[in-house]
Structures are given as C-alpha cells and as structure tokens.
Amino acid sequence: MSTVSIRHDVAGPFGLLTVRKAFQSHGAMAAYDYTPNRTGRLPKEWVDAYQSDRENPGISYVVYSYNTPIAWVSVNGEPIIPDVGYSVTTTRHQELCRVWL
C-alpha cells in the first residue's frame, strides 16, 4: 500500500477515493480494499451496520480516520458514510468521502 498526501492524491476525479484504491496517508487517513475488523470509536448502532454490511451484501472498500471506519462502499457500489461527529481532522476526512466516494 502506498503512502500518499491527502492534499494531492486522495481527492479529485482521478483521486484514490474516486477510483477506490487502497492507501495510507502520511497522517491519520487510510483506505483498504478489504474489510478490517477494527471499529475504533464508531457508535454501537454503526458497528452493527458495519458488521452486517460485511456479511451481506459485503464491503469492497473502507476508509478509516485514525482507527475508525468513517465510510465504506458495499459490493453493489453504495457508499455508506455514518453521520457521526468526530474531531476537526476526521470531519475533513468525512467531507472528502462525501464528495469523492
């Protein structure tokens, strides 16, 4: 997995989020083309949704901020972005997901 700059590599029509490619930023953001088990600070109702989505229909792409999944894409292409507030940094990561996933 490549280490990238959020400012230059993640957003945009050809950015890593748009093409759903795995990455690790120099900071707290990362994305995976598999589904890690860790749920970090995700609230219980969203942990249940994440785990359920892992089983059916399946998750093809997950975006993390720090150790928390902040967005995922089901195998049918539907992006799920929990409406949960976190830090200023994670809020920026969530906005990138809203725009580019």
Protein backbone atom coordinates (compact mmCIF):
# COMPACT_ATOMS: atom_id res chain seq x y z
CA MET A 1 0.00 0.00 0.00
CA SER A 2 1.37 3.38 -0.95
CA THR A 3 1.81 6.32 1.44
CA VAL A 4 0.20 9.39 -0.07
CA SER A 5 -0.58 13.04 0.50
CA ILE A 6 -4.24 13.74 1.28
CA ARG A 7 -3.87 17.18 -0.26
CA HIS A 8 -2.55 15.90 -3.61
CA ASP A 9 -3.52 12.25 -4.11
CA VAL A 10 -6.82 11.43 -2.42
CA ALA A 11 -9.46 13.80 -3.84
CA GLY A 12 -10.42 14.72 -7.38
CA PRO A 13 -11.94 12.89 -10.32
CA PHE A 14 -8.90 10.60 -10.57
CA GLY A 15 -8.05 10.59 -6.86
CA LEU A 16 -7.62 7.44 -4.83
CA LEU A 17 -11.06 7.75 -3.20
CA THR A 18 -12.79 8.08 -6.56
CA VAL A 19 -11.03 5.07 -8.07
CA ARG A 20 -11.30 3.24 -4.72
CA LYS A 21 -7.68 2.32 -4.40
CA ALA A 22 -6.09 1.38 -1.06
CA PHE A 23 -3.76 3.95 0.51
CA GLN A 24 -2.15 5.13 3.74
CA SER A 25 -1.71 8.85 4.22
CA HIS A 26 1.21 10.50 5.98
CA GLY A 27 -1.34 11.29 8.71
CA ALA A 28 -4.44 9.61 10.06
CA MET A 29 -6.39 8.61 6.93
CA ALA A 30 -6.22 5.22 5.23
CA ALA A 31 -8.34 3.15 2.87
CA TYR A 32 -8.46 -0.59 2.29
CA ASP A 33 -9.82 -2.84 -0.43
CA TYR A 34 -10.67 -5.43 2.22
CA THR A 35 -12.69 -5.11 5.43
CA PRO A 36 -10.66 -4.82 8.65
CA ASN A 37 -12.32 -5.98 11.87
CA ARG A 38 -11.47 -2.91 13.94
CA THR A 39 -14.26 -0.41 14.53
CA GLY A 40 -12.48 2.19 16.69
CA ARG A 41 -14.83 4.87 18.04
CA LEU A 42 -17.75 4.00 15.76
CA PRO A 43 -21.01 4.13 17.79
CA LYS A 44 -22.68 0.79 18.53
CA GLU A 45 -25.51 1.21 16.01
CA TRP A 46 -22.95 1.87 13.28
CA VAL A 47 -20.73 -1.00 14.44
CA ASP A 48 -23.76 -3.25 13.97
CA ALA A 49 -24.39 -1.78 10.49
CA TYR A 50 -20.71 -2.17 9.51
CA GLN A 51 -20.62 -5.80 10.66
CA SER A 52 -23.93 -6.54 8.96
CA ASP A 53 -22.75 -4.95 5.71
CA ARG A 54 -19.58 -7.07 5.89
CA GLU A 55 -21.75 -10.17 5.80
CA ASN A 56 -24.40 -9.10 3.30
CA PRO A 57 -24.03 -7.67 0.72
CA GLY A 58 -20.31 -7.36 1.53
CA ILE A 59 -17.95 -4.37 1.64
CA SER A 60 -15.49 -3.68 -1.16
CA TYR A 61 -13.77 -0.54 0.17
CA VAL A 62 -13.33 1.03 3.63
CA VAL A 63 -11.97 4.45 4.61
CA TYR A 64 -10.53 4.94 8.09
CA SER A 65 -9.66 8.04 10.03
CA TYR A 66 -7.34 7.14 12.87
CA ASN A 67 -8.65 3.67 13.82
CA THR A 68 -12.32 4.24 12.99
CA PRO A 69 -14.12 3.34 9.76
CA ILE A 70 -15.72 6.59 8.60
CA ALA A 71 -17.03 5.37 5.24
CA TRP A 72 -17.41 2.14 3.33
CA VAL A 73 -18.68 1.00 -0.04
CA SER A 74 -20.82 -2.10 -0.38
CA VAL A 75 -20.09 -4.55 -3.18
CA ASN A 76 -23.14 -3.17 -5.03
CA GLY A 77 -21.38 0.23 -5.16
CA GLU A 78 -23.38 2.07 -2.48
CA PRO A 79 -21.27 4.35 -0.28
CA ILE A 80 -22.21 4.44 3.42
CA ILE A 81 -20.95 7.40 5.44
CA PRO A 82 -22.17 7.36 9.05
CA ASP A 83 -23.48 10.73 10.26
CA VAL A 84 -21.24 10.81 13.32
CA GLY A 85 -19.22 13.77 14.59
CA TYR A 86 -15.56 13.41 15.48
CA SER A 87 -12.51 15.68 15.51
CA VAL A 88 -11.85 18.52 13.06
CA THR A 89 -9.39 16.31 11.17
CA THR A 90 -11.83 13.40 10.87
CA THR A 91 -14.57 15.82 9.80
CA ARG A 92 -12.33 16.85 6.89
CA HIS A 93 -11.81 13.19 6.01
CA GLN A 94 -15.57 12.59 6.12
CA GLU A 95 -16.14 15.52 3.76
CA LEU A 96 -13.65 14.08 1.28
CA CYS A 97 -15.60 10.82 1.40
CA ARG A 98 -18.94 12.60 0.88
CA VAL A 99 -17.62 14.37 -2.20
CA TRP A 100 -15.45 11.70 -3.83
CA LEU A 101 -16.86 8.26 -2.98
